[in-house]
C-alpha atoms as a PDB file:
ATOM      1  CA  MET A   1      67.218  20.751 -27.091  1.00  0.00           C
ATOM      2  CA  ASN A   2      65.669  23.990 -28.199  1.00  0.00           C
ATOM      3  CA  ASN A   3      64.380  26.078 -25.346  1.00  0.00           C
ATOM      4  CA  ARG A   4      61.501  27.213 -27.502  1.00  0.00           C
ATOM      5  CA  LEU A   5      58.185  25.633 -26.820  1.00  0.00           C
ATOM      6  CA  VAL A   6      56.890  23.650 -29.704  1.00  0.00           C
ATOM      7  CA  ARG A   7      53.523  22.464 -28.487  1.00  0.00           C
ATOM      8  CA  ILE A   8      51.480  25.424 -27.307  1.00  0.00           C
ATOM      9  CA  GLU A   9      48.121  23.622 -27.587  1.00  0.00           C
ATOM     10  CA  GLU A  10      49.380  20.876 -25.329  1.00  0.00           C
ATOM     11  CA  LEU A  11      50.619  23.562 -22.835  1.00  0.00           C
ATOM     12  CA  ASN A  12      47.096  25.162 -22.770  1.00  0.00           C
ATOM     13  CA  LYS A  13      45.554  21.808 -21.955  1.00  0.00           C
ATOM     14  CA  TYR A  14      47.931  21.269 -19.012  1.00  0.00           C
ATOM     15  CA  ASN A  15      47.177  24.753 -17.764  1.00  0.00           C
ATOM     16  CA  TYR A  16      43.567  23.874 -17.451  1.00  0.00           C
ATOM     17  CA  LEU A  17      44.385  20.522 -15.647  1.00  0.00           C
ATOM     18  CA  LEU A  18      46.701  22.290 -13.141  1.00  0.00           C
ATOM     19  CA  ASN A  19      44.208  24.973 -12.382  1.00  0.00           C
ATOM     20  CA  LYS A  20      41.498  22.334 -11.891  1.00  0.00           C
ATOM     21  CA  TRP A  21      43.761  20.449  -9.423  1.00  0.00           C
ATOM     22  CA  TYR A  22      44.659  23.537  -7.553  1.00  0.00           C
ATOM     23  CA  LYS A  23      40.985  24.344  -6.950  1.00  0.00           C
ATOM     24  CA  GLY A  24      40.313  20.774  -5.748  1.00  0.00           C
ATOM     25  CA  LYS A  25      40.784  19.183  -2.398  1.00  0.00           C
ATOM     26  CA  ARG A  26      43.996  17.086  -3.066  1.00  0.00           C
ATOM     27  CA  LYS A  27      47.120  18.503  -1.511  1.00  0.00           C
ATOM     28  CA  LEU A  28      49.641  16.701  -3.522  1.00  0.00           C
ATOM     29  CA  LEU A  29      50.033  16.493  -7.406  1.00  0.00           C
ATOM     30  CA  THR A  30      52.775  14.524  -9.208  1.00  0.00           C
ATOM     31  CA  ILE A  31      53.515  15.747 -12.762  1.00  0.00           C
ATOM     32  CA  ILE A  32      55.284  12.886 -14.557  1.00  0.00           C
ATOM     33  CA  THR A  33      57.263  13.794 -17.692  1.00  0.00           C
ATOM     34  CA  SER A  34      60.554  13.455 -19.363  1.00  0.00           C
ATOM     35  CA  PRO A  35      63.905  15.026 -18.243  1.00  0.00           C
ATOM     36  CA  TYR A  36      64.425  18.732 -19.112  1.00  0.00           C
ATOM     37  CA  ASN A  37      60.929  19.478 -19.979  1.00  0.00           C
ATOM     38  CA  THR A  38      59.983  23.127 -19.467  1.00  0.00           C
ATOM     39  CA  SER A  39      59.177  24.646 -16.126  1.00  0.00           C
ATOM     40  CA  LEU A  40      56.748  27.043 -17.781  1.00  0.00           C
ATOM     41  CA  ILE A  41      53.960  24.452 -17.496  1.00  0.00           C
ATOM     42  CA  TYR A  42      52.972  26.025 -14.212  1.00  0.00           C
ATOM     43  CA  LYS A  43      53.557  29.610 -15.285  1.00  0.00           C
ATOM     44  CA  GLU A  44      49.846  30.490 -15.589  1.00  0.00           C
ATOM     45  CA  LEU A  45      48.991  28.987 -12.268  1.00  0.00           C
ATOM     46  CA  ILE A  46      51.760  30.940 -10.622  1.00  0.00           C
ATOM     47  CA  ILE A  47      50.603  34.173 -12.171  1.00  0.00           C
ATOM     48  CA  LEU A  48      47.089  33.654 -10.685  1.00  0.00           C
ATOM     49  CA  LEU A  49      48.583  33.028  -7.346  1.00  0.00           C
ATOM     50  CA  LEU A  50      50.833  36.002  -7.446  1.00  0.00           C
ATOM     51  CA  LYS A  51      47.887  38.274  -8.325  1.00  0.00           C
ATOM     52  CA  GLU A  52      46.123  36.842  -5.151  1.00  0.00           C
ATOM     53  CA  ASN A  53      49.346  37.650  -3.149  1.00  0.00           C
ATOM     54  CA  LYS A  54      50.066  33.984  -2.405  1.00  0.00           C
ATOM     55  CA  ARG A  55      53.459  32.825  -1.292  1.00  0.00           C
ATOM     56  CA  ILE A  56      55.293  30.290  -3.469  1.00  0.00           C
ATOM     57  CA  LEU A  57      58.201  28.011  -2.637  1.00  0.00           C
ATOM     58  CA  TYR A  58      60.413  26.427  -5.435  1.00  0.00           C
ATOM     59  CA  VAL A  59      62.618  23.597  -4.469  1.00  0.00           C
ATOM     60  CA  TRP A  60      65.243  22.169  -6.780  1.00  0.00           C
ATOM     61  CA  ASP A  61      68.790  20.897  -6.894  1.00  0.00           C
ATOM     62  CA  SER A  62      70.497  24.201  -7.498  1.00  0.00           C
ATOM     63  CA  GLU A  63      71.973  27.188  -5.643  1.00  0.00           C
ATOM     64  CA  GLU A  64      70.357  29.627  -8.127  1.00  0.00           C
ATOM     65  CA  ILE A  65      66.873  30.745  -9.087  1.00  0.00           C
ATOM     66  CA  ASN A  66      65.142  29.112 -12.044  1.00  0.00           C
ATOM     67  CA  LYS A  67      65.983  31.609 -14.766  1.00  0.00           C
ATOM     68  CA  GLU A  68      63.611  30.119 -17.401  1.00  0.00           C
ATOM     69  CA  LEU A  69      60.663  30.473 -15.046  1.00  0.00           C
ATOM     70  CA  VAL A  70      61.537  33.892 -13.709  1.00  0.00           C
ATOM     71  CA  SER A  71      62.022  35.204 -17.309  1.00  0.00           C
ATOM     72  CA  GLY A  72      58.697  33.772 -18.350  1.00  0.00           C
ATOM     73  CA  LEU A  73      56.864  35.269 -15.493  1.00  0.00           C
ATOM     74  CA  LYS A  74      58.363  38.721 -15.875  1.00  0.00           C
ATOM     75  CA  VAL A  75      56.710  39.022 -19.341  1.00  0.00           C
ATOM     76  CA  ASP A  76      53.309  39.095 -17.702  1.00  0.00           C
ATOM     77  CA  ILE A  77      53.648  40.228 -14.030  1.00  0.00           C
ATOM     78  CA  LYS A  78      55.878  42.058 -11.558  1.00  0.00           C
ATOM     79  CA  PHE A  79      56.825  40.168  -8.489  1.00  0.00           C
ATOM     80  CA  THR A  80      59.617  39.710  -5.869  1.00  0.00           C
ATOM     81  CA  TYR A  81      61.805  36.628  -5.704  1.00  0.00           C
ATOM     82  CA  SER A  82      64.742  35.425  -3.715  1.00  0.00           C
ATOM     83  CA  PHE A  83      67.106  32.482  -3.317  1.00  0.00           C
ATOM     84  CA  ILE A  84      67.272  31.181   0.211  1.00  0.00           C
ATOM     85  CA  SER A  85      70.911  30.478   1.186  1.00  0.00           C
ATOM     86  CA  THR A  86      71.344  31.564   4.834  1.00  0.00           C
ATOM     87  CA  GLU A  87      67.880  32.423   6.143  1.00  0.00           C
ATOM     88  CA  GLU A  88      64.272  32.529   4.883  1.00  0.00           C
ATOM     89  CA  VAL A  89      63.232  35.752   3.168  1.00  0.00           C
ATOM     90  CA  ASN A  90      59.852  37.322   2.595  1.00  0.00           C
ATOM     91  CA  SER A  91      59.606  37.317  -1.187  1.00  0.00           C
ATOM     92  CA  GLN A  92      56.610  36.267  -3.212  1.00  0.00           C
ATOM     93  CA  ILE A  93      58.597  33.338  -4.780  1.00  0.00           C
ATOM     94  CA  ASN A  94      61.422  31.767  -2.704  1.00  0.00           C
ATOM     95  CA  PHE A  95      63.789  29.462  -4.434  1.00  0.00           C
ATOM     96  CA  VAL A  96      65.641  26.951  -2.307  1.00  0.00           C
ATOM     97  CA  SER A  97      67.952  23.893  -2.913  1.00  0.00           C
ATOM     98  CA  TYR A  98      67.240  20.579  -1.325  1.00  0.00           C
ATOM     99  CA  ASN A  99      70.323  21.069   0.827  1.00  0.00           C
ATOM    100  CA  ASN A 100      68.672  24.084   2.494  1.00  0.00           C
ATOM    101  CA  LEU A 101      65.305  22.860   3.321  1.00  0.00           C
ATOM    102  CA  GLU A 102      65.922  23.178   7.003  1.00  0.00           C
ATOM    103  CA  LYS A 103      65.804  27.014   6.439  1.00  0.00           C
ATOM    104  CA  ILE A 104      62.119  26.682   5.714  1.00  0.00           C
ATOM    105  CA  LYS A 105      60.119  27.611   8.816  1.00  0.00           C
ATOM    106  CA  HIS A 106      57.168  29.644   7.484  1.00  0.00           C
ATOM    107  CA  GLN A 107      53.922  28.842   5.654  1.00  0.00           C
ATOM    108  CA  TYR A 108      53.538  28.817   1.866  1.00  0.00           C
ATOM    109  CA  ASP A 109      50.499  28.560  -0.287  1.00  0.00           C
ATOM    110  CA  PHE A 110      52.071  26.621  -3.036  1.00  0.00           C
ATOM    111  CA  CYS A 111      55.281  24.576  -3.379  1.00  0.00           C
ATOM    112  CA  ILE A 112      56.932  23.106  -6.547  1.00  0.00           C
ATOM    113  CA  ILE A 113      59.460  20.275  -5.990  1.00  0.00           C
ATOM    114  CA  ASP A 114      61.282  20.290  -9.345  1.00  0.00           C
ATOM    115  CA  ASP A 115      63.359  17.142 -10.180  1.00  0.00           C
ATOM    116  CA  ILE A 116      63.142  17.589 -14.005  1.00  0.00           C
ATOM    117  CA  SER A 117      64.819  20.964 -14.956  1.00  0.00           C
ATOM    118  CA  LEU A 118      68.325  19.936 -13.943  1.00  0.00           C
ATOM    119  CA  PHE A 119      70.378  16.689 -14.131  1.00  0.00           C
ATOM    120  CA  SER A 120      68.999  14.706 -11.208  1.00  0.00           C
ATOM    121  CA  LYS A 121      71.123  12.850  -8.663  1.00  0.00           C
ATOM    122  CA  LEU A 122      68.233  12.495  -6.202  1.00  0.00           C
ATOM    123  CA  THR A 123      66.708   9.185  -5.227  1.00  0.00           C
ATOM    124  CA  LYS A 124      63.061   8.485  -4.555  1.00  0.00           C
ATOM    125  CA  ALA A 125      63.911   8.558  -0.833  1.00  0.00           C
ATOM    126  CA  ASN A 126      65.403  12.087  -1.160  1.00  0.00           C
ATOM    127  CA  ILE A 127      62.278  13.403  -2.656  1.00  0.00           C
ATOM    128  CA  ARG A 128      60.023  11.631  -0.215  1.00  0.00           C
ATOM    129  CA  ASP A 129      62.043  13.171   2.653  1.00  0.00           C
ATOM    130  CA  ALA A 130      61.544  16.625   1.037  1.00  0.00           C
ATOM    131  CA  VAL A 131      57.759  16.103   0.762  1.00  0.00           C
ATOM    132  CA  GLU A 132      57.556  14.813   4.288  1.00  0.00           C
ATOM    133  CA  TYR A 133      59.454  17.919   5.682  1.00  0.00           C
ATOM    134  CA  LEU A 134      57.438  20.455   3.595  1.00  0.00           C
ATOM    135  CA  TYR A 135      54.055  18.871   4.140  1.00  0.00           C
ATOM    136  CA  LEU A 136      53.344  20.954   7.196  1.00  0.00           C
ATOM    137  CA  PHE A 137      54.555  24.258   5.673  1.00  0.00           C
ATOM    138  CA  CYS A 138      52.874  24.117   2.278  1.00  0.00           C
ATOM    139  CA  LYS A 139      49.115  24.073   1.517  1.00  0.00           C
ATOM    140  CA  LYS A 140      49.572  22.607  -2.034  1.00  0.00           C
ATOM    141  CA  ILE A 141      52.562  20.649  -3.360  1.00  0.00           C
ATOM    142  CA  ILE A 142      53.548  19.720  -6.932  1.00  0.00           C
ATOM    143  CA  ILE A 143      56.176  17.057  -7.525  1.00  0.00           C
ATOM    144  CA  TYR A 144      57.752  17.355 -10.992  1.00  0.00           C
ATOM    145  CA  SER A 145      59.448  14.136 -11.678  1.00  0.00           C
ATOM    146  CA  ILE A 146      60.110  11.294 -14.164  1.00  0.00           C
ATOM    147  CA  GLU A 147      58.079   8.871 -12.023  1.00  0.00           C
ATOM    148  CA  LYS A 148      55.625   8.659  -9.175  1.00  0.00           C
ATOM    149  CA  VAL A 149      57.527   8.828  -5.904  1.00  0.00           C
ATOM    150  CA  ILE A 150      54.713   8.984  -3.422  1.00  0.00           C
ATOM    151  CA  ASN A 151      51.488   6.924  -3.275  1.00  0.00           C
ATOM    152  CA  ILE A 152      49.084   9.719  -2.409  1.00  0.00           C
ATOM    153  CA  GLY A 153      47.636  12.623  -4.385  1.00  0.00           C
ATOM    154  CA  ASP A 154      46.771  13.125  -8.039  1.00  0.00           C
ATOM    155  CA  VAL A 155      48.988  12.344 -11.081  1.00  0.00           C
ATOM    156  CA  ILE A 156      49.224  14.121 -14.495  1.00  0.00           C
ATOM    157  CA  TYR A 157      51.319  12.738 -17.356  1.00  0.00           C
ATOM    158  CA  ILE A 158      52.759  15.534 -19.529  1.00  0.00           C
ATOM    159  CA  SER A 159      54.460  15.228 -22.882  1.00  0.00           C
ATOM    160  CA  ASP A 160      57.696  16.941 -23.663  1.00  0.00           C
ATOM    161  CA  LEU A 161      56.747  20.512 -24.799  1.00  0.00           C
ATOM    162  CA  ARG A 162      60.187  21.234 -26.299  1.00  0.00           C
ATOM    163  CA  ARG A 163      61.258  18.224 -28.101  1.00  0.00           C
ATOM    164  CA  ASN A 164      60.301  17.936 -31.771  1.00  0.00           C
ATOM    165  CA  SER A 165      62.374  14.815 -32.414  1.00  0.00           C
ATOM    166  CA  PRO A 166      62.491  11.343 -30.867  1.00  0.00           C
ATOM    167  CA  PHE A 167      63.735  10.804 -27.380  1.00  0.00           C
ATOM    168  CA  ILE A 168      67.173   9.020 -27.528  1.00  0.00           C
ATOM    169  CA  GLU A 169      66.737   5.378 -26.465  1.00  0.00           C
ATOM    170  CA  PRO A 170      69.918   3.789 -25.231  1.00  0.00           C
ATOM    171  CA  ARG A 171      71.633   1.138 -27.336  1.00  0.00           C
ATOM    172  CA  ILE A 172      72.719  -1.782 -25.169  1.00  0.00           C
ATOM    173  CA  MET A 173      75.932  -3.657 -25.985  1.00  0.00           C
ATOM    174  CA  ASN A 174      76.901  -6.694 -23.977  1.00  0.00           C
ATOM    175  CA  THR A 175      80.447  -7.960 -24.095  1.00  0.00           C
ATOM    176  CA  LYS A 176      82.823 -10.331 -22.347  1.00  0.00           C
ATOM    177  CA  VAL A 177      85.804  -8.100 -23.052  1.00  0.00           C
ATOM    178  CA  ASN A 178      87.709  -6.536 -20.168  1.00  0.00           C
ATOM    179  CA  LEU A 179      86.637  -2.954 -20.738  1.00  0.00           C
ATOM    180  CA  GLU A 180      89.625  -1.573 -18.809  1.00  0.00           C
ATOM    181  CA  GLU A 181      92.033  -3.177 -21.249  1.00  0.00           C
ATOM    182  CA  GLU A 182      90.277  -3.569 -24.589  1.00  0.00           C
ATOM    183  CA  ILE A 183      87.677  -2.002 -26.848  1.00  0.00           C
ATOM    184  CA  PRO A 184      84.981  -4.338 -28.137  1.00  0.00           C
ATOM    185  CA  TYR A 185      84.943  -4.405 -31.951  1.00  0.00           C
ATOM    186  CA  LYS A 186      81.416  -2.894 -32.208  1.00  0.00           C
ATOM    187  CA  LEU A 187      82.295  -0.108 -29.823  1.00  0.00           C
ATOM    188  CA  TYR A 188      85.515   0.484 -31.731  1.00  0.00           C
ATOM    189  CA  ASP A 189      83.478   1.053 -34.966  1.00  0.00           C
ATOM    190  CA  TYR A 190      81.313   3.539 -33.108  1.00  0.00           C
ATOM    191  CA  PHE A 191      84.442   5.429 -31.938  1.00  0.00           C
ATOM    192  CA  LEU A 192      85.631   5.603 -35.529  1.00  0.00           C
ATOM    193  CA  TRP A 193      82.249   6.895 -36.643  1.00  0.00           C
ATOM    194  CA  PHE A 194      82.281   9.525 -33.902  1.00  0.00           C
ATOM    195  CA  LYS A 195      85.775  10.541 -35.039  1.00  0.00           C
ATOM    196  CA  GLU A 196      84.714  10.938 -38.647  1.00  0.00           C
ATOM    197  CA  ASN A 197      81.819  13.167 -37.557  1.00  0.00           C
ATOM    198  CA  LYS A 198      84.099  15.222 -35.205  1.00  0.00           C
ATOM    199  CA  SER A 199      81.750  14.310 -32.404  1.00  0.00           C
ATOM    200  CA  LYS A 200      82.010  15.036 -28.726  1.00  0.00           C
ATOM    201  CA  VAL A 201      81.966  11.892 -26.715  1.00  0.00           C
ATOM    202  CA  ILE A 202      81.600  11.310 -22.925  1.00  0.00           C
ATOM    203  CA  ILE A 203      82.891   8.000 -21.666  1.00  0.00           C
ATOM    204  CA  LEU A 204      81.469   7.377 -18.284  1.00  0.00           C
ATOM    205  CA  VAL A 205      82.817   4.768 -15.796  1.00  0.00           C
ATOM    206  CA  PRO A 206      81.945   4.132 -12.107  1.00  0.00           C
ATOM    207  CA  TYR A 207      85.193   4.922 -10.264  1.00  0.00           C
ATOM    208  CA  GLU A 208      88.349   6.947 -10.442  1.00  0.00           C
ATOM    209  CA  ASP A 209      90.491   3.882 -10.735  1.00  0.00           C
ATOM    210  CA  ASN A 210      88.577   2.922 -13.843  1.00  0.00           C
ATOM    211  CA  VAL A 211      89.178   6.297 -15.347  1.00  0.00           C
ATOM    212  CA  ASN A 212      92.980   5.984 -14.879  1.00  0.00           C
ATOM    213  CA  LYS A 213      93.244   2.558 -16.423  1.00  0.00           C
ATOM    214  CA  ILE A 214      90.924   3.200 -19.360  1.00  0.00           C
ATOM    215  CA  TYR A 215      92.506   6.527 -20.157  1.00  0.00           C
ATOM    216  CA  GLU A 216      95.918   4.894 -20.311  1.00  0.00           C
ATOM    217  CA  ASN A 217      94.822   1.879 -22.483  1.00  0.00           C
ATOM    218  CA  TYR A 218      92.403   3.678 -24.724  1.00  0.00           C
ATOM    219  CA  THR A 219      94.860   6.479 -25.492  1.00  0.00           C
ATOM    220  CA  GLU A 220      97.295   3.839 -26.642  1.00  0.00           C
ATOM    221  CA  LEU A 221      94.539   1.970 -28.700  1.00  0.00           C
ATOM    222  CA  LEU A 222      93.172   5.161 -30.387  1.00  0.00           C
ATOM    223  CA  LYS A 223      96.413   7.213 -30.725  1.00  0.00           C
ATOM    224  CA  ALA A 224      96.637   6.687 -34.463  1.00  0.00           C
ATOM    225  CA  LYS A 225      93.099   7.853 -35.081  1.00  0.00           C
ATOM    226  CA  ASP A 226      93.535  11.593 -34.420  1.00  0.00           C
ATOM    227  CA  ILE A 227      91.211  11.631 -31.455  1.00  0.00           C
ATOM    228  CA  LYS A 228      91.697  14.070 -28.650  1.00  0.00           C
ATOM    229  CA  ILE A 229      91.253  12.215 -25.273  1.00  0.00           C
ATOM    230  CA  ILE A 230      90.874  13.913 -21.935  1.00  0.00           C
ATOM    231  CA  LYS A 231      90.902  12.392 -18.538  1.00  0.00           C
ATOM    232  CA  PHE A 232      88.463  14.153 -16.224  1.00  0.00           C
ATOM    233  CA  LEU A 233      88.030  13.053 -12.593  1.00  0.00           C
ATOM    234  CA  LYS A 234      85.145  13.993 -10.370  1.00  0.00           C
ATOM    235  CA  LYS A 235      87.531  16.134  -8.283  1.00  0.00           C
ATOM    236  CA  ASP A 236      88.826  18.096 -11.212  1.00  0.00           C
ATOM    237  CA  ASN A 237      87.901  21.667 -12.146  1.00  0.00           C
ATOM    238  CA  ASP A 238      85.533  21.970 -15.119  1.00  0.00           C
ATOM    239  CA  LYS A 239      88.127  24.157 -16.909  1.00  0.00           C
ATOM    240  CA  LYS A 240      90.007  20.868 -17.657  1.00  0.00           C
ATOM    241  CA  ILE A 241      87.398  19.940 -20.259  1.00  0.00           C
ATOM    242  CA  GLU A 242      87.094  23.355 -21.969  1.00  0.00           C
ATOM    243  CA  ALA A 243      88.529  21.675 -25.138  1.00  0.00           C
ATOM    244  CA  LEU A 244      85.272  19.669 -25.236  1.00  0.00           C
ATOM    245  CA  TYR A 245      83.378  22.973 -25.742  1.00  0.00           C
ATOM    246  CA  LYS A 246      85.922  24.743 -27.938  1.00  0.00           C
ATOM    247  CA  GLU A 247      87.353  22.053 -30.356  1.00  0.00           C
ATOM    248  CA  LYS A 248      85.304  22.261 -33.594  1.00  0.00           C
ATOM    249  CA  ASN A 249      87.575  20.426 -36.103  1.00  0.00           C
ATOM    250  CA  LYS A 250      88.393  17.289 -34.158  1.00  0.00           C
ATOM    251  CA  SER A 251      86.629  14.645 -32.135  1.00  0.00           C
ATOM    252  CA  VAL A 252      87.029  14.940 -28.398  1.00  0.00           C
ATOM    253  CA  PHE A 253      86.603  12.005 -26.012  1.00  0.00           C
ATOM    254  CA  VAL A 254      86.282  12.646 -22.285  1.00  0.00           C
ATOM    255  CA  ILE A 255      86.914   9.640 -19.976  1.00  0.00           C
ATOM    256  CA  THR A 256      85.387  10.506 -16.545  1.00  0.00           C
ATOM    257  CA  ASN A 257      83.607   9.232 -13.360  1.00  0.00           C
ATOM    258  CA  ASN A 258      81.858  12.603 -13.121  1.00  0.00           C
ATOM    259  CA  ILE A 259      78.210  12.123 -14.029  1.00  0.00           C
ATOM    260  CA  LYS A 260      76.718  15.554 -14.771  1.00  0.00           C
ATOM    261  CA  ASN A 261      75.299  17.826 -17.371  1.00  0.00           C
ATOM    262  CA  TYR A 262      77.691  17.934 -20.350  1.00  0.00           C
ATOM    263  CA  SER A 263      75.237  18.965 -23.077  1.00  0.00           C
ATOM    264  CA  ASN A 264      75.749  22.804 -23.073  1.00  0.00           C
ATOM    265  CA  LEU A 265      77.993  22.610 -26.136  1.00  0.00           C
ATOM    266  CA  ASN A 266      76.907  25.495 -28.294  1.00  0.00           C
ATOM    267  CA  ASN A 267      74.121  23.553 -29.890  1.00  0.00           C
ATOM    268  CA  THR A 268      76.364  20.535 -30.502  1.00  0.00           C
ATOM    269  CA  ASN A 269      75.063  17.175 -29.593  1.00  0.00           C
ATOM    270  CA  ILE A 270      77.095  14.815 -27.455  1.00  0.00           C
ATOM    271  CA  ASN A 271      77.468  11.121 -27.539  1.00  0.00           C
ATOM    272  CA  ILE A 272      77.529   9.199 -24.285  1.00  0.00           C
ATOM    273  CA  VAL A 273      79.135   5.751 -23.712  1.00  0.00           C
ATOM    274  CA  VAL A 274      78.603   4.226 -20.353  1.00  0.00           C
ATOM    275  CA  LEU A 275      81.155   1.407 -19.603  1.00  0.00           C
ATOM    276  CA  MET A 276      80.548  -1.134 -16.941  1.00  0.00           C
ATOM    277  CA  CYS A 277      76.947  -0.041 -16.951  1.00  0.00           C
ATOM    278  CA  ASP A 278      75.734  -3.042 -14.978  1.00  0.00           C
ATOM    279  CA  ASN A 279      77.586  -1.474 -12.006  1.00  0.00           C
ATOM    280  CA  ALA A 280      75.148  -0.350  -9.199  1.00  0.00           C
ATOM    281  CA  PHE A 281      76.441   3.226  -9.633  1.00  0.00           C
ATOM    282  CA  PHE A 282      74.454   3.606 -12.823  1.00  0.00           C
ATOM    283  CA  ASN A 283      70.846   3.411 -11.670  1.00  0.00           C
ATOM    284  CA  TYR A 284      67.863   3.684 -14.100  1.00  0.00           C
ATOM    285  CA  LYS A 285      67.268   7.382 -13.277  1.00  0.00           C
ATOM    286  CA  LYS A 286      70.863   8.463 -14.106  1.00  0.00           C
ATOM    287  CA  LEU A 287      70.601   6.570 -17.355  1.00  0.00           C
ATOM    288  CA  VAL A 288      67.284   8.142 -18.329  1.00  0.00           C
ATOM    289  CA  PHE A 289      68.818  11.634 -17.707  1.00  0.00           C
ATOM    290  CA  LEU A 290      71.941  10.707 -19.642  1.00  0.00           C
ATOM    291  CA  SER A 291      69.595   9.653 -22.597  1.00  0.00           C
ATOM    292  CA  ALA A 292      68.116  13.094 -22.389  1.00  0.00           C
ATOM    293  CA  GLU A 293      71.557  14.617 -22.465  1.00  0.00           C
ATOM    294  CA  ALA A 294      72.363  12.896 -25.769  1.00  0.00           C
ATOM    295  CA  GLY A 295      69.383  14.382 -27.512  1.00  0.00           C
ATOM    296  CA  LYS A 296      69.138  17.656 -25.792  1.00  0.00           C
ATOM    297  CA  ASN A 297      70.290  19.875 -28.792  1.00  0.00           C
ATOM    298  CA  SER A 298      67.935  18.526 -31.418  1.00  0.00           C
ATOM    299  CA  ASN A 299      68.589  21.309 -34.013  1.00  0.00           C
ATOM    300  CA  LYS A 300      71.378  19.105 -35.397  1.00  0.00           C
ATOM    301  CA  SER A 301      71.990  15.428 -35.759  1.00  0.00           C
ATOM    302  CA  LEU A 302      70.977  13.607 -32.614  1.00  0.00           C
ATOM    303  CA  GLY A 303      73.591  12.021 -30.266  1.00  0.00           C
ATOM    304  CA  GLU A 304      73.800   8.454 -29.225  1.00  0.00           C
ATOM    305  CA  ILE A 305      73.887   6.759 -25.817  1.00  0.00           C
ATOM    306  CA  ILE A 306      75.573   3.402 -25.632  1.00  0.00           C
ATOM    307  CA  LEU A 307      75.330   1.250 -22.497  1.00  0.00           C
ATOM    308  CA  VAL A 308      78.203  -1.325 -22.365  1.00  0.00           C
ATOM    309  CA  SER A 309      78.254  -4.131 -19.834  1.00  0.00           C
ATOM    310  CA  LYS A 310      78.898  -7.795 -19.267  1.00  0.00           C
ATOM    311  CA  VAL A 311      75.197  -8.468 -18.531  1.00  0.00           C
ATOM    312  CA  LEU A 312      71.912  -6.677 -18.879  1.00  0.00           C
ATOM    313  CA  SER A 313      71.048  -5.113 -15.455  1.00  0.00           C
ATOM    314  CA  GLU A 314      67.474  -4.385 -14.271  1.00  0.00           C
ATOM    315  CA  ASP A 315      68.351  -0.629 -14.278  1.00  0.00           C
ATOM    316  CA  MET A 316      69.553  -0.776 -17.856  1.00  0.00           C
ATOM    317  CA  GLU A 317      66.386  -2.531 -18.966  1.00  0.00           C
ATOM    318  CA  LEU A 318      64.126  -0.170 -16.935  1.00  0.00           C
ATOM    319  CA  ALA A 319      65.857   2.881 -18.423  1.00  0.00           C
ATOM    320  CA  LYS A 320      65.359   1.428 -21.933  1.00  0.00           C
ATOM    321  CA  ASN A 321      61.639   0.867 -21.306  1.00  0.00           C
ATOM    322  CA  ILE A 322      61.145   4.349 -19.810  1.00  0.00           C
ATOM    323  CA  THR A 323      62.760   6.137 -22.787  1.00  0.00           C
ATOM    324  CA  ARG A 324      60.770   3.928 -25.240  1.00  0.00           C
ATOM    325  CA  ASN A 325      57.536   4.779 -23.502  1.00  0.00           C
ATOM    326  CA  TYR A 326      58.323   8.504 -23.945  1.00  0.00           C
ATOM    327  CA  ASN A 327      58.439   8.019 -27.689  1.00  0.00           C
ATOM    328  CA  LYS A 328      55.434   5.774 -27.593  1.00  0.00           C
ATOM    329  CA  GLU A 329      53.312   8.435 -25.817  1.00  0.00           C
ATOM    330  CA  ILE A 330      54.228  11.249 -28.152  1.00  0.00           C
ATOM    331  CA  TRP A 331      53.927   9.053 -31.165  1.00  0.00           C
ATOM    332  CA  GLU A 332      50.384   7.939 -30.109  1.00  0.00           C
ATOM    333  CA  LYS A 333      49.432  11.662 -29.701  1.00  0.00           C
ATOM    334  CA  GLY A 334      50.735  12.394 -33.155  1.00  0.00           C
ATOM    335  CA  LEU A 335      53.412  14.736 -31.847  1.00  0.00           C
ATOM    336  CA  LEU A 336      56.517  12.901 -32.980  1.00  0.00           C
ATOM    337  CA  LYS A 337      58.334  14.191 -36.069  1.00  0.00           C
ATOM    338  CA  TYR A 338      61.168  12.348 -37.899  1.00  0.00           C
END
């Protein structure tokens, strides 16, 4: 997905709504949007607060600052910022990971809980716990999420300000085939199509034992098709999949139980195949973020996400509906371009 904002008029509208909420009496605001939407939506509000010498807390699932936001703010204003790792510091903007919330002991004028900018592994309960802990320390709190996680406060729905193409909706493939031993015919055809297009493919499974069995059997089944196959376990170092990033003239398949961000592939879109998708490991939120991964680099042909299972789970159906609604919303606003 291109980092450049493509809907400036929409952004200006949201700036107005955020400023109006901040001046109101409600302490909590949930911004509901699609994964990987820009964090610059609250840039103008933060600038106003910095000019008033307000203290800002930014909470997200990272051990670093939000570089997109910091770079955007630096264009318009000078400010101090820090990442809290060992103890709380006295910067105008403090960034902190969910794992370090116990370090927060002082008051903040404004807090952003960001569950959009990075691949989310957090549950609703995780975010609720964060809100509960921070409620006494922060005067105003924004929750940036794909869904409403708490039943109080205001809600704003925001369209994707970066995407100028459809959100990838998952294709669902039900089969009675033992996926550890065989490849369904329809999926095999997809594999051949990926191979012809020299595509990068992530094959996700729930557990390490699944990875080992599928890697052994699929390598045998696909060995005549000139496809490079890599086994990548959750415990492995990322260097093991460097071929996924470097190989340009051959299709690369990665079989893994490591669910994470794989889309930083030099503007190359990835395809994602989730095997045994009816397993409880693959909840709807992970599937929605995986759908966003498949279409993240929209300057070239879009990727695919294929959910393969014996039955259609509630999480699979919910993920399908959520992604469809993203497209419905931007289509109704006249923002979708094919």
